Amino acid sequence: MKFVTDSTFPYHSTISNDLFIIANSFNLTLSTTINSCPTRYSDMAGEANSVLDLMFLRNGSPKLDSHLISPEIHLSLDHVPLSIEIPIIEEIFPSSKFTISPNSDHEKAFIDKVILNFKTLNTNDMDEVDKLDHVVQRIGHIIDRAWKCNAKKSRISKHLKQWWSDECSQALNNYRRSRSLENWKTFKKVIKNIKRSYFDDKIQEIANKRKSSWELTSWINKRRLPATEAIKHNGQPCLSPESLWDALHSTFNTAQN
């Protein structure tokens, strides 16, 4: 937004209140300048320079509360650029994560350990909030400890194979150690069986838990009935079986005669 103000006075002295109302509605506030100087330099003799360009920033932000006016780089333009440094926090994306493969020995050990420790919880006296909080914290601690004991670190990749299991890893390691054709055939056979079992389970999940595999298709959804027109006889629509029979009977007899 651009509003003409006198560069010798503070910005808010001649800016209309409507502008501040609009800015506040967007949670914005008028930015202060690091170096106070005009933003428009007149090329006409006798016309004073002025502050024409303003900047509005996020309200209440300690790091985005001021901007810099750069009159030395406006070149042949009559307006000078306004600049601000926006800090960007460095974000580190993890390249690995801890997981437990479905239907693996680690998953079974995780579940068994959680169930075993759950049995040791004392849930008899939970008539106070503090006692309930203690039990909830114990549950979280049990699950966290069992997870750390059984989860393994895996590399995040777009080519991640969800069907891969410990049996696949063992067969691959056997081939890498021996480099024999027999172990290679065994590895390929294990892969084939694991894939088939994985996708069979997925099909059963869709068919049983989601009730119908056809629910993912659009052609079984409800459709609008086609437009219909009632049969008319003697100028009246036939809206009941009796009226339809009368129309058919009288029409047939008329044709026969």
Protein backbone atom coordinates (compact mmCIF):
# COMPACT_ATOMS: atom_id res chain seq x y z
CA MET A 1 0.00 0.00 0.00
CA LYS A 2 1.27 3.49 -0.81
CA PHE A 3 0.24 6.68 0.93
CA VAL A 4 1.82 10.10 0.59
CA THR A 5 3.36 11.40 3.76
CA ASP A 6 5.79 14.16 4.58
CA SER A 7 9.28 12.74 5.11
CA THR A 8 10.03 15.26 7.83
CA PHE A 9 7.31 13.84 10.11
CA PRO A 10 6.72 10.40 11.61
CA TYR A 11 4.73 8.08 9.36
CA HIS A 12 1.68 7.87 11.55
CA SER A 13 1.14 11.64 11.55
CA THR A 14 -0.58 11.81 8.16
CA ILE A 15 -1.71 8.23 7.53
CA SER A 16 -5.45 7.74 7.75
CA ASN A 17 -6.91 5.63 10.53
CA ASP A 18 -8.65 3.46 7.93
CA LEU A 19 -5.29 2.11 6.85
CA PHE A 20 -4.46 1.02 10.40
CA ILE A 21 -7.88 -0.62 10.74
CA ILE A 22 -7.28 -2.63 7.57
CA ALA A 23 -3.78 -3.58 8.70
CA ASN A 24 -5.01 -4.68 12.12
CA SER A 25 -7.64 -6.90 10.52
CA PHE A 26 -4.79 -8.85 8.89
CA ASN A 27 -2.70 -8.81 12.09
CA LEU A 28 -0.22 -6.41 10.46
CA THR A 29 1.47 -3.33 11.83
CA LEU A 30 3.39 -0.47 10.26
CA SER A 31 7.09 -1.28 10.12
CA THR A 32 9.65 1.17 11.41
CA THR A 33 12.67 2.10 9.29
CA ILE A 34 16.25 1.43 10.30
CA ASN A 35 17.31 4.57 8.43
CA SER A 36 14.76 7.36 8.12
CA CYS A 37 14.89 8.89 4.67
CA PRO A 38 12.56 9.58 1.72
CA THR A 39 11.35 6.69 -0.41
CA ARG A 40 10.50 8.80 -3.47
CA TYR A 41 12.94 11.25 -4.99
CA SER A 42 11.40 13.85 -7.25
CA ASP A 43 12.99 14.65 -10.61
CA MET A 44 11.13 17.93 -10.86
CA ALA A 45 12.80 21.13 -9.76
CA GLY A 46 11.31 22.64 -6.63
CA GLU A 47 9.35 19.50 -5.65
CA ALA A 48 10.36 18.02 -2.31
CA ASN A 49 11.19 14.38 -1.80
CA SER A 50 8.64 12.39 0.16
CA VAL A 51 7.91 9.17 1.94
CA LEU A 52 5.54 7.38 -0.39
CA ASP A 53 6.25 3.67 0.15
CA LEU A 54 5.43 1.94 3.40
CA MET A 55 5.83 -1.61 4.67
CA PHE A 56 3.49 -3.57 6.92
CA LEU A 57 4.74 -6.60 8.82
CA ARG A 58 3.40 -9.17 11.23
CA ASN A 59 2.18 -7.65 14.44
CA GLY A 60 4.14 -8.50 17.58
CA SER A 61 7.02 -10.24 15.79
CA PRO A 62 10.37 -9.28 17.41
CA LYS A 63 12.38 -10.40 14.37
CA LEU A 64 10.18 -8.78 11.72
CA ASP A 65 9.60 -5.28 13.03
CA SER A 66 11.79 -3.03 10.87
CA HIS A 67 12.97 -2.58 7.30
CA LEU A 68 15.79 -0.83 5.47
CA ILE A 69 15.48 1.95 2.87
CA SER A 70 18.22 1.82 0.23
CA PRO A 71 18.37 5.20 -1.57
CA GLU A 72 21.80 4.47 -3.04
CA ILE A 73 20.49 1.76 -5.41
CA HIS A 74 17.38 3.39 -6.84
CA LEU A 75 19.37 4.29 -10.00
CA SER A 76 17.13 6.12 -12.48
CA LEU A 77 13.90 5.22 -10.70
CA ASP A 78 12.13 7.77 -8.56
CA HIS A 79 11.25 5.14 -5.94
CA VAL A 80 13.84 3.42 -3.77
CA PRO A 81 13.63 -0.24 -2.72
CA LEU A 82 12.58 -1.30 0.76
CA SER A 83 14.25 -4.44 2.04
CA ILE A 84 13.91 -6.72 5.02
CA GLU A 85 15.87 -9.75 6.18
CA ILE A 86 13.63 -12.72 6.93
CA PRO A 87 15.30 -15.30 9.17
CA ILE A 88 14.80 -18.89 7.99
CA ILE A 89 15.29 -21.63 10.55
CA GLU A 90 17.38 -24.47 9.25
CA GLU A 91 15.26 -27.60 9.10
CA ILE A 92 16.92 -30.98 9.23
CA PHE A 93 15.04 -33.82 7.57
CA PRO A 94 15.76 -37.22 9.09
CA SER A 95 17.23 -39.82 6.76
CA SER A 96 16.26 -42.75 8.94
CA LYS A 97 13.59 -43.85 11.40
CA PHE A 98 12.92 -46.63 13.87
CA THR A 99 10.33 -49.17 12.75
CA ILE A 100 9.01 -52.62 13.57
CA SER A 101 8.12 -54.76 10.58
CA PRO A 102 4.57 -56.16 10.61
CA ASN A 103 4.24 -59.89 11.33
CA SER A 104 7.90 -60.10 12.35
CA ASP A 105 9.54 -61.65 15.41
CA HIS A 106 10.27 -58.14 16.67
CA GLU A 107 6.58 -57.23 16.48
CA LYS A 108 5.63 -60.36 18.42
CA ALA A 109 8.30 -59.63 21.05
CA PHE A 110 7.08 -56.03 21.33
CA ILE A 111 3.46 -57.07 21.90
CA ASP A 112 4.42 -59.80 24.38
CA LYS A 113 6.59 -57.40 26.38
CA VAL A 114 3.84 -54.77 26.51
CA ILE A 115 1.20 -57.29 27.62
CA LEU A 116 3.53 -58.78 30.26
CA ASN A 117 4.26 -55.37 31.80
CA PHE A 118 0.62 -54.28 31.59
CA LYS A 119 -0.25 -57.16 33.92
CA THR A 120 1.99 -55.69 36.60
CA LEU A 121 0.11 -52.38 36.69
CA ASN A 122 -1.90 -51.72 39.83
CA THR A 123 -5.21 -50.20 38.75
CA ASN A 124 -7.21 -50.90 41.88
CA ASP A 125 -7.02 -47.47 43.51
CA MET A 126 -7.56 -44.76 40.89
CA ASP A 127 -9.99 -42.58 42.76
CA GLU A 128 -7.75 -39.51 42.42
CA VAL A 129 -6.43 -37.64 39.41
CA ASP A 130 -2.81 -37.99 40.54
CA LYS A 131 -3.11 -41.78 40.74
CA LEU A 132 -4.68 -41.90 37.28
CA ASP A 133 -1.89 -39.72 35.87
CA HIS A 134 0.69 -42.06 37.43
CA VAL A 135 -0.86 -45.10 35.74
CA VAL A 136 -1.04 -43.32 32.38
CA GLN A 137 2.63 -42.34 32.65
CA ARG A 138 3.53 -45.93 33.51
CA ILE A 139 1.68 -47.16 30.42
CA GLY A 140 3.59 -44.72 28.24
CA HIS A 141 6.89 -45.77 29.82
CA ILE A 142 6.13 -49.47 29.24
CA ILE A 143 5.30 -48.95 25.57
CA ASP A 144 8.31 -46.70 25.02
CA ARG A 145 10.72 -49.16 26.61
CA ALA A 146 9.31 -52.10 24.64
CA TRP A 147 9.56 -50.08 21.42
CA LYS A 148 13.20 -49.17 21.99
CA CYS A 149 14.07 -52.79 22.68
CA ASN A 150 12.52 -54.14 19.46
CA ALA A 151 12.50 -51.33 16.88
CA LYS A 152 15.33 -51.16 14.41
CA LYS A 153 16.73 -48.23 12.48
CA SER A 154 15.82 -48.15 8.79
CA ARG A 155 16.75 -45.73 6.04
CA ILE A 156 13.96 -43.55 4.65
CA SER A 157 13.66 -43.93 0.88
CA LYS A 158 11.02 -43.47 -1.78
CA HIS A 159 11.84 -47.03 -2.86
CA LEU A 160 11.02 -48.42 0.60
CA LYS A 161 9.52 -51.92 0.35
CA GLN A 162 6.76 -52.36 2.92
CA TRP A 163 6.64 -56.08 2.31
CA TRP A 164 10.33 -56.59 3.17
CA SER A 165 10.80 -58.80 6.24
CA ASP A 166 13.58 -60.31 8.37
CA GLU A 167 13.32 -63.49 6.33
CA CYS A 168 14.14 -61.51 3.19
CA SER A 169 17.17 -59.95 4.88
CA GLN A 170 18.42 -63.33 6.07
CA ALA A 171 18.06 -64.89 2.61
CA LEU A 172 19.86 -61.92 1.04
CA ASN A 173 22.73 -62.12 3.54
CA ASN A 174 23.10 -65.85 2.85
CA TYR A 175 23.48 -65.14 -0.88
CA ARG A 176 25.95 -62.29 -0.31
CA ARG A 177 28.16 -64.53 1.81
CA SER A 178 28.20 -67.47 -0.60
CA ARG A 179 27.43 -65.88 -3.99
CA SER A 180 26.06 -69.26 -5.02
CA LEU A 181 23.35 -69.80 -7.59
CA GLU A 182 21.41 -72.00 -5.20
CA ASN A 183 21.23 -69.30 -2.53
CA TRP A 184 20.22 -66.76 -5.19
CA LYS A 185 17.32 -68.99 -6.24
CA THR A 186 16.36 -69.38 -2.58
CA PHE A 187 16.42 -65.62 -2.11
CA LYS A 188 14.16 -65.04 -5.16
CA LYS A 189 11.77 -67.74 -3.92
CA VAL A 190 11.57 -66.12 -0.48
CA ILE A 191 10.88 -62.74 -2.08
CA LYS A 192 8.11 -64.20 -4.22
CA ASN A 193 6.41 -65.90 -1.25
CA ILE A 194 6.70 -62.85 1.01
CA LYS A 195 5.25 -60.58 -1.67
CA ARG A 196 2.35 -62.93 -2.31
CA SER A 197 1.59 -63.23 1.40
CA TYR A 198 1.81 -59.45 1.89
CA PHE A 199 -0.54 -58.57 -0.95
CA ASP A 200 -2.95 -61.38 -0.04
CA ASP A 201 -3.21 -59.82 3.41
CA LYS A 202 -3.85 -56.42 1.85
CA ILE A 203 -6.63 -57.86 -0.30
CA GLN A 204 -8.21 -59.49 2.75
CA GLU A 205 -7.97 -56.22 4.66
CA ILE A 206 -9.82 -54.36 1.92
CA ALA A 207 -12.40 -57.11 1.47
CA ASN A 208 -13.10 -57.76 5.17
CA LYS A 209 -12.32 -54.63 7.18
CA ARG A 210 -13.58 -52.22 4.54
CA LYS A 211 -16.47 -54.59 3.75
CA SER A 212 -16.22 -54.26 -0.03
CA SER A 213 -13.37 -53.83 -2.46
CA TRP A 214 -15.77 -52.11 -4.84
CA GLU A 215 -16.21 -49.20 -2.46
CA LEU A 216 -13.12 -47.63 -4.01
CA THR A 217 -14.77 -47.43 -7.42
CA SER A 218 -17.03 -44.62 -8.52
CA TRP A 219 -19.48 -46.54 -10.68
CA ILE A 220 -21.22 -48.23 -7.72
CA ASN A 221 -22.14 -44.95 -6.06
CA LYS A 222 -25.74 -43.75 -6.01
CA ARG A 223 -26.81 -42.27 -9.31
CA ARG A 224 -29.68 -40.03 -10.26
CA LEU A 225 -32.65 -41.83 -11.76
CA PRO A 226 -33.29 -41.15 -15.42
CA ALA A 227 -35.97 -38.63 -16.31
CA THR A 228 -39.41 -40.24 -16.69
CA GLU A 229 -42.74 -39.20 -18.13
CA ALA A 230 -46.08 -40.50 -16.88
CA ILE A 231 -48.46 -42.28 -19.27
CA LYS A 232 -51.52 -40.15 -19.93
CA HIS A 233 -54.98 -41.37 -20.85
CA ASN A 234 -57.77 -38.97 -21.73
CA GLY A 235 -55.54 -36.12 -20.61
CA GLN A 236 -54.92 -37.54 -17.10
CA PRO A 237 -51.63 -39.14 -15.90
CA CYS A 238 -51.82 -42.81 -14.87
CA LEU A 239 -50.19 -42.90 -11.43
CA SER A 240 -51.59 -46.18 -10.08
CA PRO A 241 -51.83 -49.79 -11.32
CA GLU A 242 -55.62 -49.43 -11.57
CA SER A 243 -55.42 -46.35 -13.81
CA LEU A 244 -52.78 -48.06 -15.98
CA TRP A 245 -55.00 -51.11 -16.40
CA ASP A 246 -57.99 -48.99 -17.34
CA ALA A 247 -55.92 -47.15 -19.93
CA LEU A 248 -54.60 -50.42 -21.40
CA HIS A 249 -58.02 -52.09 -21.40
CA SER A 250 -59.87 -49.23 -23.04
CA THR A 251 -57.11 -48.66 -25.60
CA PHE A 252 -57.02 -52.36 -26.54
CA ASN A 253 -60.80 -52.57 -26.95
CA THR A 254 -60.83 -49.42 -29.06
CA ALA A 255 -58.17 -50.85 -31.37
CA GLN A 256 -60.03 -54.15 -31.69
CA ASN A 257 -63.30 -52.47 -32.65
